C-alpha cells in the first residue's frame, strides 16, 4: 500500500510526509549555514568587530600614542564635547553645505544627461557613457593632479578663461569663500558619470509601450517626463540621492590632498576632522565618537529616504 496516496483528493492523516518535509527543511538550513559560514566569519571579523571596537572606544578617553589597555571609561563625555569644540562644529557645518550642494547640483544634472544619452538614438552615445564613467574609475590622486593645475592661480586654465573675459578669478583653493565650492565642483565632475550610468540603467526598465501610448494621447516630452519617466524612475532617483549623500558625507581624499582642511578651516569636514583628531592629536575617543555619530547620521538618512520611497509607491 502506498502510504502517500490520497482519498478524495486530500492527504491521509497520520502519514509521515510532514515530518519528512520538516527534516528536508532542516537539512537545507544546515547546508545553507555551512556554505554561508565563511562569509559570515569574514564579515564578522573585518566589519562587525571594528564597528564594535569603535563604539567601545567612543566611550573611553584613549590616546593612540599609548597602549589600548590604558584607555579610561568616560561614558558620554566624548559625545557631549562634540558640539563644544568650534573646529568640530565648523566641520559639521561644512559637511552639511558640501552634501547639500553636491545633491542639488549632481542629481538634476545626472538626470538631464541620462535623458539626453538614453532617448535620442544617436551614434556614439555608448562612447560618451564610457567617457563619463571613466572619471569614476580613475584614481583620485591622478584626478587631483589635474585639478590642482586647473585651479592653479595665475597660469591655471580656469583662471585664464575668466581673465580673458575681463573678470578677476577668485583663489579657487586659497579663498575661504571659494575653497569648499571648488571641492564640490571637483566632486560633481568625478562622480557624475557613475550616477548617469545608474539612471540610464533605470531608464531601460521603463516599458516603451508607455511612451508610445502617451504619444498617441498627444503628450509632449515635458508631460512624458513628469507623468512617466520621473514616477517610474523614482527608485533609481532615490538610490542616486542616497549614494550622493553617503559619498559626500564620507569625502576625504580631495580634502586631504588639495586643502588639508584649509584655508582657515573652510574645507574641514567631518571625515577629515576624524583623521586629524585620531592621527594628529591622538584623541581616539573623540574621533570614535565623531565616527559613530557620522555613521548614525548615514543610517538615519537611509531610513528616511527608504520611508519616502515606500510612501511614494503606496
C-alpha atoms as a PDB file:
ATOM      1  CA  UNK A   1       0.000   0.000   0.000  1.00  0.00           C
ATOM      2  CA  UNK A   2       1.250   3.439  -0.916  1.00  0.00           C
ATOM      3  CA  UNK A   3       1.297   5.500   2.305  1.00  0.00           C
ATOM      4  CA  UNK A   4       1.302   8.798   0.400  1.00  0.00           C
ATOM      5  CA  UNK A   5      -1.854   8.056  -1.601  1.00  0.00           C
ATOM      6  CA  UNK A   6      -4.855  10.301  -1.051  1.00  0.00           C
ATOM      7  CA  UNK A   7      -8.505   9.718  -0.539  1.00  0.00           C
ATOM      8  CA  UNK A   8     -10.906  12.123  -2.136  1.00  0.00           C
ATOM      9  CA  UNK A   9      -8.097  14.451  -3.159  1.00  0.00           C
ATOM     10  CA  UNK A  10      -6.784  15.100   0.439  1.00  0.00           C
ATOM     11  CA  UNK A  11      -3.817  13.676   2.325  1.00  0.00           C
ATOM     12  CA  UNK A  12      -4.365  10.625   4.547  1.00  0.00           C
ATOM     13  CA  UNK A  13      -3.952  11.534   8.208  1.00  0.00           C
ATOM     14  CA  UNK A  14      -1.023  10.037  10.108  1.00  0.00           C
ATOM     15  CA  UNK A  15       1.260   9.744   7.075  1.00  0.00           C
ATOM     16  CA  UNK A  16       4.982  10.608   7.596  1.00  0.00           C
ATOM     17  CA  UNK A  17       5.151  13.277   4.806  1.00  0.00           C
ATOM     18  CA  UNK A  18       5.030  16.381   7.123  1.00  0.00           C
ATOM     19  CA  UNK A  19       7.888  15.021   9.245  1.00  0.00           C
ATOM     20  CA  UNK A  20       9.923  14.338   6.087  1.00  0.00           C
ATOM     21  CA  UNK A  21       9.313  17.904   4.928  1.00  0.00           C
ATOM     22  CA  UNK A  22      10.500  19.273   8.262  1.00  0.00           C
ATOM     23  CA  UNK A  23      13.587  17.076   8.043  1.00  0.00           C
ATOM     24  CA  UNK A  24      14.356  18.256   4.494  1.00  0.00           C
ATOM     25  CA  UNK A  25      13.887  21.865   5.562  1.00  0.00           C
ATOM     26  CA  UNK A  26      16.246  21.361   8.495  1.00  0.00           C
ATOM     27  CA  UNK A  27      18.843  19.760   6.193  1.00  0.00           C
ATOM     28  CA  UNK A  28      18.598  22.687   3.783  1.00  0.00           C
ATOM     29  CA  UNK A  29      19.066  25.109   6.678  1.00  0.00           C
ATOM     30  CA  UNK A  30      22.172  23.265   7.901  1.00  0.00           C
ATOM     31  CA  UNK A  31      23.600  23.151   4.369  1.00  0.00           C
ATOM     32  CA  UNK A  32      22.985  26.874   3.876  1.00  0.00           C
ATOM     33  CA  UNK A  33      24.620  27.631   7.231  1.00  0.00           C
ATOM     34  CA  UNK A  34      27.706  25.602   6.259  1.00  0.00           C
ATOM     35  CA  UNK A  35      28.083  27.407   2.917  1.00  0.00           C
ATOM     36  CA  UNK A  36      27.444  30.840   4.433  1.00  0.00           C
ATOM     37  CA  UNK A  37      29.675  30.409   7.476  1.00  0.00           C
ATOM     38  CA  UNK A  38      32.925  31.568   5.737  1.00  0.00           C
ATOM     39  CA  UNK A  39      31.189  34.734   4.517  1.00  0.00           C
ATOM     40  CA  UNK A  40      29.650  35.383   7.925  1.00  0.00           C
ATOM     41  CA  UNK A  41      33.037  34.798   9.576  1.00  0.00           C
ATOM     42  CA  UNK A  42      34.796  37.251   7.230  1.00  0.00           C
ATOM     43  CA  UNK A  43      32.109  39.910   7.657  1.00  0.00           C
ATOM     44  CA  UNK A  44      32.181  39.478  11.419  1.00  0.00           C
ATOM     45  CA  UNK A  45      35.982  39.655  11.572  1.00  0.00           C
ATOM     46  CA  UNK A  46      36.564  42.622   9.288  1.00  0.00           C
ATOM     47  CA  UNK A  47      33.311  44.614   9.634  1.00  0.00           C
ATOM     48  CA  UNK A  48      31.381  43.900  12.813  1.00  0.00           C
ATOM     49  CA  UNK A  49      34.370  43.641  15.165  1.00  0.00           C
ATOM     50  CA  UNK A  50      35.919  47.007  14.078  1.00  0.00           C
ATOM     51  CA  UNK A  51      32.488  48.642  14.387  1.00  0.00           C
ATOM     52  CA  UNK A  52      32.050  47.291  17.911  1.00  0.00           C
ATOM     53  CA  UNK A  53      35.583  48.382  18.813  1.00  0.00           C
ATOM     54  CA  UNK A  54      34.879  51.906  17.517  1.00  0.00           C
ATOM     55  CA  UNK A  55      31.712  52.121  19.600  1.00  0.00           C
ATOM     56  CA  UNK A  56      33.553  50.864  22.693  1.00  0.00           C
ATOM     57  CA  UNK A  57      36.433  53.341  22.220  1.00  0.00           C
ATOM     58  CA  UNK A  58      33.950  56.206  21.785  1.00  0.00           C
ATOM     59  CA  UNK A  59      33.021  55.771  25.468  1.00  0.00           C
ATOM     60  CA  UNK A  60      36.658  55.965  26.607  1.00  0.00           C
ATOM     61  CA  UNK A  61      39.471  58.506  26.782  1.00  0.00           C
ATOM     62  CA  UNK A  62      42.415  56.996  24.952  1.00  0.00           C
ATOM     63  CA  UNK A  63      45.453  58.428  23.252  1.00  0.00           C
ATOM     64  CA  UNK A  64      46.542  56.488  20.186  1.00  0.00           C
ATOM     65  CA  UNK A  65      50.151  57.035  21.291  1.00  0.00           C
ATOM     66  CA  UNK A  66      49.599  54.740  24.292  1.00  0.00           C
ATOM     67  CA  UNK A  67      48.544  51.047  24.538  1.00  0.00           C
ATOM     68  CA  UNK A  68      44.810  50.405  24.189  1.00  0.00           C
ATOM     69  CA  UNK A  69      44.806  48.806  27.642  1.00  0.00           C
ATOM     70  CA  UNK A  70      45.376  52.277  29.156  1.00  0.00           C
ATOM     71  CA  UNK A  71      42.087  53.806  27.992  1.00  0.00           C
ATOM     72  CA  UNK A  72      39.721  55.149  30.679  1.00  0.00           C
ATOM     73  CA  UNK A  73      35.938  54.902  30.635  1.00  0.00           C
ATOM     74  CA  UNK A  74      34.308  58.373  30.420  1.00  0.00           C
ATOM     75  CA  UNK A  75      30.745  57.492  29.465  1.00  0.00           C
ATOM     76  CA  UNK A  76      29.126  60.054  27.152  1.00  0.00           C
ATOM     77  CA  UNK A  77      31.734  62.797  27.717  1.00  0.00           C
ATOM     78  CA  UNK A  78      33.205  62.382  24.218  1.00  0.00           C
ATOM     79  CA  UNK A  79      29.746  62.819  22.677  1.00  0.00           C
ATOM     80  CA  UNK A  80      28.983  65.810  24.914  1.00  0.00           C
ATOM     81  CA  UNK A  81      32.160  67.557  23.685  1.00  0.00           C
ATOM     82  CA  UNK A  82      31.262  67.178  20.007  1.00  0.00           C
ATOM     83  CA  UNK A  83      29.325  70.447  19.882  1.00  0.00           C
ATOM     84  CA  UNK A  84      31.534  72.345  22.325  1.00  0.00           C
ATOM     85  CA  UNK A  85      34.594  72.327  20.037  1.00  0.00           C
ATOM     86  CA  UNK A  86      34.419  75.118  17.435  1.00  0.00           C
ATOM     87  CA  UNK A  87      36.536  73.165  14.919  1.00  0.00           C
ATOM     88  CA  UNK A  88      34.140  70.220  15.040  1.00  0.00           C
ATOM     89  CA  UNK A  89      31.088  72.462  14.778  1.00  0.00           C
ATOM     90  CA  UNK A  90      32.640  74.065  11.703  1.00  0.00           C
ATOM     91  CA  UNK A  91      33.434  70.605  10.281  1.00  0.00           C
ATOM     92  CA  UNK A  92      29.800  69.527  10.734  1.00  0.00           C
ATOM     93  CA  UNK A  93      28.546  72.745   9.100  1.00  0.00           C
ATOM     94  CA  UNK A  94      30.996  72.392   6.195  1.00  0.00           C
ATOM     95  CA  UNK A  95      29.897  68.782   5.689  1.00  0.00           C
ATOM     96  CA  UNK A  96      26.245  69.864   5.579  1.00  0.00           C
ATOM     97  CA  UNK A  97      26.967  72.548   2.966  1.00  0.00           C
ATOM     98  CA  UNK A  98      29.111  70.143   0.944  1.00  0.00           C
ATOM     99  CA  UNK A  99      26.392  67.453   0.947  1.00  0.00           C
ATOM    100  CA  UNK A 100      23.612  69.915   0.099  1.00  0.00           C
ATOM    101  CA  UNK A 101      25.487  71.483  -2.830  1.00  0.00           C
ATOM    102  CA  UNK A 102      26.537  68.066  -4.142  1.00  0.00           C
ATOM    103  CA  UNK A 103      22.960  66.747  -4.127  1.00  0.00           C
ATOM    104  CA  UNK A 104      21.423  69.924  -5.588  1.00  0.00           C
ATOM    105  CA  UNK A 105      23.945  70.053  -8.446  1.00  0.00           C
ATOM    106  CA  UNK A 106      24.668  66.384  -9.123  1.00  0.00           C
ATOM    107  CA  UNK A 107      21.241  64.723  -9.143  1.00  0.00           C
ATOM    108  CA  UNK A 108      19.419  67.075 -11.585  1.00  0.00           C
ATOM    109  CA  UNK A 109      22.497  67.212 -13.833  1.00  0.00           C
ATOM    110  CA  UNK A 110      22.845  63.422 -13.847  1.00  0.00           C
ATOM    111  CA  UNK A 111      19.131  63.055 -14.626  1.00  0.00           C
ATOM    112  CA  UNK A 112      19.347  65.514 -17.534  1.00  0.00           C
ATOM    113  CA  UNK A 113      22.445  63.861 -19.037  1.00  0.00           C
ATOM    114  CA  UNK A 114      20.906  60.392 -18.609  1.00  0.00           C
ATOM    115  CA  UNK A 115      17.811  61.538 -20.511  1.00  0.00           C
ATOM    116  CA  UNK A 116      19.943  63.039 -23.285  1.00  0.00           C
ATOM    117  CA  UNK A 117      22.019  59.875 -23.540  1.00  0.00           C
ATOM    118  CA  UNK A 118      19.120  57.412 -23.477  1.00  0.00           C
ATOM    119  CA  UNK A 119      16.270  58.780 -25.596  1.00  0.00           C
ATOM    120  CA  UNK A 120      17.923  60.248 -28.718  1.00  0.00           C
ATOM    121  CA  UNK A 121      19.013  57.281 -30.842  1.00  0.00           C
ATOM    122  CA  UNK A 122      22.392  58.796 -31.685  1.00  0.00           C
ATOM    123  CA  UNK A 123      25.602  57.098 -32.711  1.00  0.00           C
ATOM    124  CA  UNK A 124      28.440  57.228 -30.239  1.00  0.00           C
ATOM    125  CA  UNK A 125      26.314  57.545 -27.113  1.00  0.00           C
ATOM    126  CA  UNK A 126      27.915  54.402 -25.669  1.00  0.00           C
ATOM    127  CA  UNK A 127      31.317  56.031 -26.088  1.00  0.00           C
ATOM    128  CA  UNK A 128      30.055  59.082 -24.217  1.00  0.00           C
ATOM    129  CA  UNK A 129      28.855  56.807 -21.388  1.00  0.00           C
ATOM    130  CA  UNK A 130      32.289  55.179 -21.164  1.00  0.00           C
ATOM    131  CA  UNK A 131      33.997  58.587 -21.062  1.00  0.00           C
ATOM    132  CA  UNK A 132      31.645  59.782 -18.323  1.00  0.00           C
ATOM    133  CA  UNK A 133      32.163  56.623 -16.263  1.00  0.00           C
ATOM    134  CA  UNK A 134      35.959  56.875 -16.658  1.00  0.00           C
ATOM    135  CA  UNK A 135      36.089  59.792 -14.222  1.00  0.00           C
ATOM    136  CA  UNK A 136      34.719  57.450 -11.537  1.00  0.00           C
ATOM    137  CA  UNK A 137      37.272  54.667 -12.022  1.00  0.00           C
ATOM    138  CA  UNK A 138      40.384  56.854 -12.358  1.00  0.00           C
ATOM    139  CA  UNK A 139      42.246  57.012  -9.013  1.00  0.00           C
ATOM    140  CA  UNK A 140      41.517  60.190  -7.084  1.00  0.00           C
ATOM    141  CA  UNK A 141      45.210  61.027  -6.760  1.00  0.00           C
ATOM    142  CA  UNK A 142      45.527  61.205 -10.557  1.00  0.00           C
ATOM    143  CA  UNK A 143      42.462  63.452 -10.812  1.00  0.00           C
ATOM    144  CA  UNK A 144      43.796  65.672  -8.021  1.00  0.00           C
ATOM    145  CA  UNK A 145      46.995  66.300 -10.007  1.00  0.00           C
ATOM    146  CA  UNK A 146      44.912  67.513 -12.954  1.00  0.00           C
ATOM    147  CA  UNK A 147      42.528  69.640 -10.894  1.00  0.00           C
ATOM    148  CA  UNK A 148      45.284  71.205  -8.825  1.00  0.00           C
ATOM    149  CA  UNK A 149      46.608  72.605 -12.127  1.00  0.00           C
ATOM    150  CA  UNK A 150      43.117  73.610 -13.317  1.00  0.00           C
ATOM    151  CA  UNK A 151      42.623  75.555 -10.070  1.00  0.00           C
ATOM    152  CA  UNK A 152      46.138  76.990 -10.084  1.00  0.00           C
ATOM    153  CA  UNK A 153      46.073  80.781  -9.633  1.00  0.00           C
ATOM    154  CA  UNK A 154      47.534  82.800 -12.496  1.00  0.00           C
ATOM    155  CA  UNK A 155      48.515  80.110 -15.009  1.00  0.00           C
ATOM    156  CA  UNK A 156      45.586  77.683 -14.483  1.00  0.00           C
ATOM    157  CA  UNK A 157      43.246  77.292 -17.494  1.00  0.00           C
ATOM    158  CA  UNK A 158      40.149  78.099 -15.434  1.00  0.00           C
ATOM    159  CA  UNK A 159      41.591  81.380 -14.171  1.00  0.00           C
ATOM    160  CA  UNK A 160      42.924  82.181 -17.657  1.00  0.00           C
ATOM    161  CA  UNK A 161      39.471  81.756 -19.235  1.00  0.00           C
ATOM    162  CA  UNK A 162      37.847  84.002 -16.629  1.00  0.00           C
ATOM    163  CA  UNK A 163      40.575  86.619 -17.039  1.00  0.00           C
ATOM    164  CA  UNK A 164      40.032  86.527 -20.811  1.00  0.00           C
ATOM    165  CA  UNK A 165      36.500  87.886 -20.372  1.00  0.00           C
ATOM    166  CA  UNK A 166      37.694  90.645 -18.055  1.00  0.00           C
ATOM    167  CA  UNK A 167      36.797  89.142 -14.669  1.00  0.00           C
ATOM    168  CA  UNK A 168      39.285  88.684 -11.859  1.00  0.00           C
ATOM    169  CA  UNK A 169      39.280  84.982 -10.935  1.00  0.00           C
ATOM    170  CA  UNK A 170      38.977  84.011  -7.273  1.00  0.00           C
ATOM    171  CA  UNK A 171      41.553  81.988  -5.426  1.00  0.00           C
ATOM    172  CA  UNK A 172      39.830  78.676  -6.036  1.00  0.00           C
ATOM    173  CA  UNK A 173      41.533  76.760  -3.256  1.00  0.00           C
ATOM    174  CA  UNK A 174      43.082  79.631  -1.284  1.00  0.00           C
ATOM    175  CA  UNK A 175      39.987  81.817  -0.778  1.00  0.00           C
ATOM    176  CA  UNK A 176      37.852  80.628   2.201  1.00  0.00           C
ATOM    177  CA  UNK A 177      34.718  81.721   0.334  1.00  0.00           C
ATOM    178  CA  UNK A 178      35.518  79.588  -2.716  1.00  0.00           C
ATOM    179  CA  UNK A 179      37.533  76.615  -1.444  1.00  0.00           C
ATOM    180  CA  UNK A 180      34.563  74.428  -0.436  1.00  0.00           C
ATOM    181  CA  UNK A 181      32.650  75.292  -3.632  1.00  0.00           C
ATOM    182  CA  UNK A 182      35.731  74.337  -5.675  1.00  0.00           C
ATOM    183  CA  UNK A 183      35.805  70.951  -3.950  1.00  0.00           C
ATOM    184  CA  UNK A 184      32.096  70.459  -4.665  1.00  0.00           C
ATOM    185  CA  UNK A 185      32.776  71.110  -8.381  1.00  0.00           C
ATOM    186  CA  UNK A 186      35.575  68.543  -8.220  1.00  0.00           C
ATOM    187  CA  UNK A 187      33.220  66.023  -6.596  1.00  0.00           C
ATOM    188  CA  UNK A 188      30.454  66.608  -9.148  1.00  0.00           C
ATOM    189  CA  UNK A 189      32.893  66.145 -12.036  1.00  0.00           C
ATOM    190  CA  UNK A 190      34.303  62.930 -10.555  1.00  0.00           C
ATOM    191  CA  UNK A 191      31.027  61.236  -9.566  1.00  0.00           C
ATOM    192  CA  UNK A 192      28.633  62.462 -12.258  1.00  0.00           C
ATOM    193  CA  UNK A 193      29.345  59.626 -14.709  1.00  0.00           C
ATOM    194  CA  UNK A 194      28.620  56.955 -12.096  1.00  0.00           C
ATOM    195  CA  UNK A 195      25.199  58.422 -11.311  1.00  0.00           C
ATOM    196  CA  UNK A 196      24.407  58.879 -15.011  1.00  0.00           C
ATOM    197  CA  UNK A 197      25.053  55.172 -15.627  1.00  0.00           C
ATOM    198  CA  UNK A 198      22.771  54.256 -12.710  1.00  0.00           C
ATOM    199  CA  UNK A 199      19.955  56.418 -14.083  1.00  0.00           C
ATOM    200  CA  UNK A 200      20.401  55.140 -17.636  1.00  0.00           C
ATOM    201  CA  UNK A 201      20.090  51.598 -16.255  1.00  0.00           C
ATOM    202  CA  UNK A 202      16.848  52.679 -14.563  1.00  0.00           C
ATOM    203  CA  UNK A 203      15.521  54.195 -17.793  1.00  0.00           C
ATOM    204  CA  UNK A 204      15.996  50.885 -19.606  1.00  0.00           C
ATOM    205  CA  UNK A 205      13.470  49.297 -17.204  1.00  0.00           C
ATOM    206  CA  UNK A 206      10.626  51.620 -18.282  1.00  0.00           C
ATOM    207  CA  UNK A 207       8.417  49.898 -20.923  1.00  0.00           C
ATOM    208  CA  UNK A 208       8.493  51.614 -24.320  1.00  0.00           C
ATOM    209  CA  UNK A 209       4.749  50.992 -24.643  1.00  0.00           C
ATOM    210  CA  UNK A 210       4.053  53.680 -22.038  1.00  0.00           C
ATOM    211  CA  UNK A 211       5.778  56.352 -24.135  1.00  0.00           C
ATOM    212  CA  UNK A 212       4.076  55.143 -27.322  1.00  0.00           C
ATOM    213  CA  UNK A 213       0.656  55.341 -25.638  1.00  0.00           C
ATOM    214  CA  UNK A 214       1.486  58.814 -24.297  1.00  0.00           C
ATOM    215  CA  UNK A 215       2.457  59.985 -27.789  1.00  0.00           C
ATOM    216  CA  UNK A 216      -0.837  58.664 -29.171  1.00  0.00           C
ATOM    217  CA  UNK A 217      -2.658  60.696 -26.499  1.00  0.00           C
ATOM    218  CA  UNK A 218      -0.744  63.801 -27.556  1.00  0.00           C
ATOM    219  CA  UNK A 219       1.593  64.080 -24.540  1.00  0.00           C
ATOM    220  CA  UNK A 220       4.760  66.061 -25.189  1.00  0.00           C
ATOM    221  CA  UNK A 221       8.257  65.492 -23.805  1.00  0.00           C
ATOM    222  CA  UNK A 222       7.625  67.522 -20.648  1.00  0.00           C
ATOM    223  CA  UNK A 223       4.361  65.680 -19.890  1.00  0.00           C
ATOM    224  CA  UNK A 224       6.001  62.301 -20.569  1.00  0.00           C
ATOM    225  CA  UNK A 225       8.877  63.191 -18.272  1.00  0.00           C
ATOM    226  CA  UNK A 226       6.574  64.372 -15.468  1.00  0.00           C
ATOM    227  CA  UNK A 227       3.975  61.593 -15.745  1.00  0.00           C
ATOM    228  CA  UNK A 228       6.030  58.579 -16.845  1.00  0.00           C
ATOM    229  CA  UNK A 229       9.784  58.976 -16.519  1.00  0.00           C
ATOM    230  CA  UNK A 230      10.077  60.524 -13.054  1.00  0.00           C
ATOM    231  CA  UNK A 231       7.480  58.247 -11.340  1.00  0.00           C
ATOM    232  CA  UNK A 232       8.884  55.102 -12.984  1.00  0.00           C
ATOM    233  CA  UNK A 233      12.443  56.180 -12.200  1.00  0.00           C
ATOM    234  CA  UNK A 234      11.759  57.169  -8.594  1.00  0.00           C
ATOM    235  CA  UNK A 235      13.517  54.093  -7.173  1.00  0.00           C
ATOM    236  CA  UNK A 236      16.715  54.848  -9.087  1.00  0.00           C
ATOM    237  CA  UNK A 237      16.500  58.543  -8.217  1.00  0.00           C
ATOM    238  CA  UNK A 238      16.171  57.783  -4.509  1.00  0.00           C
ATOM    239  CA  UNK A 239      19.158  55.443  -4.723  1.00  0.00           C
ATOM    240  CA  UNK A 240      21.226  58.097  -6.527  1.00  0.00           C
ATOM    241  CA  UNK A 241      20.296  60.701  -3.902  1.00  0.00           C
ATOM    242  CA  UNK A 242      21.254  58.266  -1.134  1.00  0.00           C
ATOM    243  CA  UNK A 243      24.604  57.424  -2.767  1.00  0.00           C
ATOM    244  CA  UNK A 244      25.329  61.105  -3.357  1.00  0.00           C
ATOM    245  CA  UNK A 245      24.678  61.901   0.301  1.00  0.00           C
ATOM    246  CA  UNK A 246      26.765  58.981   1.576  1.00  0.00           C
ATOM    247  CA  UNK A 247      29.685  59.669  -0.769  1.00  0.00           C
ATOM    248  CA  UNK A 248      29.591  63.369   0.082  1.00  0.00           C
ATOM    249  CA  UNK A 249      29.480  62.749   3.833  1.00  0.00           C
ATOM    250  CA  UNK A 250      32.467  60.418   3.533  1.00  0.00           C
ATOM    251  CA  UNK A 251      34.552  62.778   1.376  1.00  0.00           C
ATOM    252  CA  UNK A 252      38.187  62.697   2.464  1.00  0.00           C
ATOM    253  CA  UNK A 253      40.726  62.198  -0.353  1.00  0.00           C
ATOM    254  CA  UNK A 254      40.381  65.574  -2.143  1.00  0.00           C
ATOM    255  CA  UNK A 255      40.309  67.411   1.211  1.00  0.00           C
ATOM    256  CA  UNK A 256      43.472  65.671   2.375  1.00  0.00           C
ATOM    257  CA  UNK A 257      45.289  66.059  -0.947  1.00  0.00           C
ATOM    258  CA  UNK A 258      44.225  69.567  -2.003  1.00  0.00           C
ATOM    259  CA  UNK A 259      43.492  71.741   1.040  1.00  0.00           C
ATOM    260  CA  UNK A 260      44.275  69.882   4.299  1.00  0.00           C
ATOM    261  CA  UNK A 261      41.069  71.393   5.695  1.00  0.00           C
ATOM    262  CA  UNK A 262      42.131  74.978   4.949  1.00  0.00           C
ATOM    263  CA  UNK A 263      42.170  77.829   4.359  1.00  0.00           C
ATOM    264  CA  UNK A 264      41.026  78.889   7.846  1.00  0.00           C
ATOM    265  CA  UNK A 265      39.143  75.603   8.293  1.00  0.00           C
ATOM    266  CA  UNK A 266      36.771  76.389   5.400  1.00  0.00           C
ATOM    267  CA  UNK A 267      37.133  72.862   3.932  1.00  0.00           C
ATOM    268  CA  UNK A 268      37.455  70.961   7.186  1.00  0.00           C
ATOM    269  CA  UNK A 269      34.752  68.279   7.030  1.00  0.00           C
ATOM    270  CA  UNK A 270      33.785  65.549   9.493  1.00  0.00           C
ATOM    271  CA  UNK A 271      35.824  62.753   7.918  1.00  0.00           C
ATOM    272  CA  UNK A 272      38.956  64.937   7.828  1.00  0.00           C
ATOM    273  CA  UNK A 273      38.332  66.040  11.423  1.00  0.00           C
ATOM    274  CA  UNK A 274      38.128  62.370  12.458  1.00  0.00           C
ATOM    275  CA  UNK A 275      41.504  61.709  10.820  1.00  0.00           C
ATOM    276  CA  UNK A 276      43.069  64.785  12.388  1.00  0.00           C
ATOM    277  CA  UNK A 277      41.711  64.047  15.873  1.00  0.00           C
ATOM    278  CA  UNK A 278      42.872  60.436  15.779  1.00  0.00           C
ATOM    279  CA  UNK A 279      46.210  60.507  13.960  1.00  0.00           C
ATOM    280  CA  UNK A 280      47.484  64.055  14.564  1.00  0.00           C
ATOM    281  CA  UNK A 281      46.174  64.735  18.082  1.00  0.00           C
ATOM    282  CA  UNK A 282      45.899  61.104  19.214  1.00  0.00           C
ATOM    283  CA  UNK A 283      42.350  61.647  20.576  1.00  0.00           C
ATOM    284  CA  UNK A 284      40.951  58.249  19.619  1.00  0.00           C
ATOM    285  CA  UNK A 285      37.919  58.537  21.925  1.00  0.00           C
ATOM    286  CA  UNK A 286      36.807  61.870  20.444  1.00  0.00           C
ATOM    287  CA  UNK A 287      37.468  60.647  16.898  1.00  0.00           C
ATOM    288  CA  UNK A 288      35.473  57.451  17.533  1.00  0.00           C
ATOM    289  CA  UNK A 289      32.536  59.435  18.967  1.00  0.00           C
ATOM    290  CA  UNK A 290      32.569  61.591  15.836  1.00  0.00           C
ATOM    291  CA  UNK A 291      32.754  58.493  13.613  1.00  0.00           C
ATOM    292  CA  UNK A 292      29.853  56.793  15.404  1.00  0.00           C
ATOM    293  CA  UNK A 293      27.773  59.983  15.121  1.00  0.00           C
ATOM    294  CA  UNK A 294      28.567  60.140  11.401  1.00  0.00           C
ATOM    295  CA  UNK A 295      27.518  56.507  10.968  1.00  0.00           C
ATOM    296  CA  UNK A 296      24.248  57.110  12.805  1.00  0.00           C
ATOM    297  CA  UNK A 297      23.579  60.117  10.578  1.00  0.00           C
ATOM    298  CA  UNK A 298      24.106  57.999   7.434  1.00  0.00           C
ATOM    299  CA  UNK A 299      21.768  55.303   8.799  1.00  0.00           C
ATOM    300  CA  UNK A 300      19.153  57.962   9.584  1.00  0.00           C
ATOM    301  CA  UNK A 301      19.376  59.388   6.059  1.00  0.00           C
ATOM    302  CA  UNK A 302      18.979  55.893   4.604  1.00  0.00           C
ATOM    303  CA  UNK A 303      15.937  55.164   6.768  1.00  0.00           C
ATOM    304  CA  UNK A 304      14.268  58.475   5.834  1.00  0.00           C
ATOM    305  CA  UNK A 305      14.863  58.021   2.096  1.00  0.00           C
ATOM    306  CA  UNK A 306      13.637  54.421   2.279  1.00  0.00           C
ATOM    307  CA  UNK A 307      10.463  55.581   4.053  1.00  0.00           C
ATOM    308  CA  UNK A 308       9.924  58.268   1.399  1.00  0.00           C
ATOM    309  CA  UNK A 309      10.407  55.718  -1.372  1.00  0.00           C
ATOM    310  CA  UNK A 310       7.898  53.308   0.184  1.00  0.00           C
ATOM    311  CA  UNK A 311       5.393  56.110   0.757  1.00  0.00           C
ATOM    312  CA  UNK A 312       5.571  57.100  -2.932  1.00  0.00           C
ATOM    313  CA  UNK A 313       4.871  53.504  -4.019  1.00  0.00           C
ATOM    314  CA  UNK A 314       1.649  53.300  -1.989  1.00  0.00           C
END
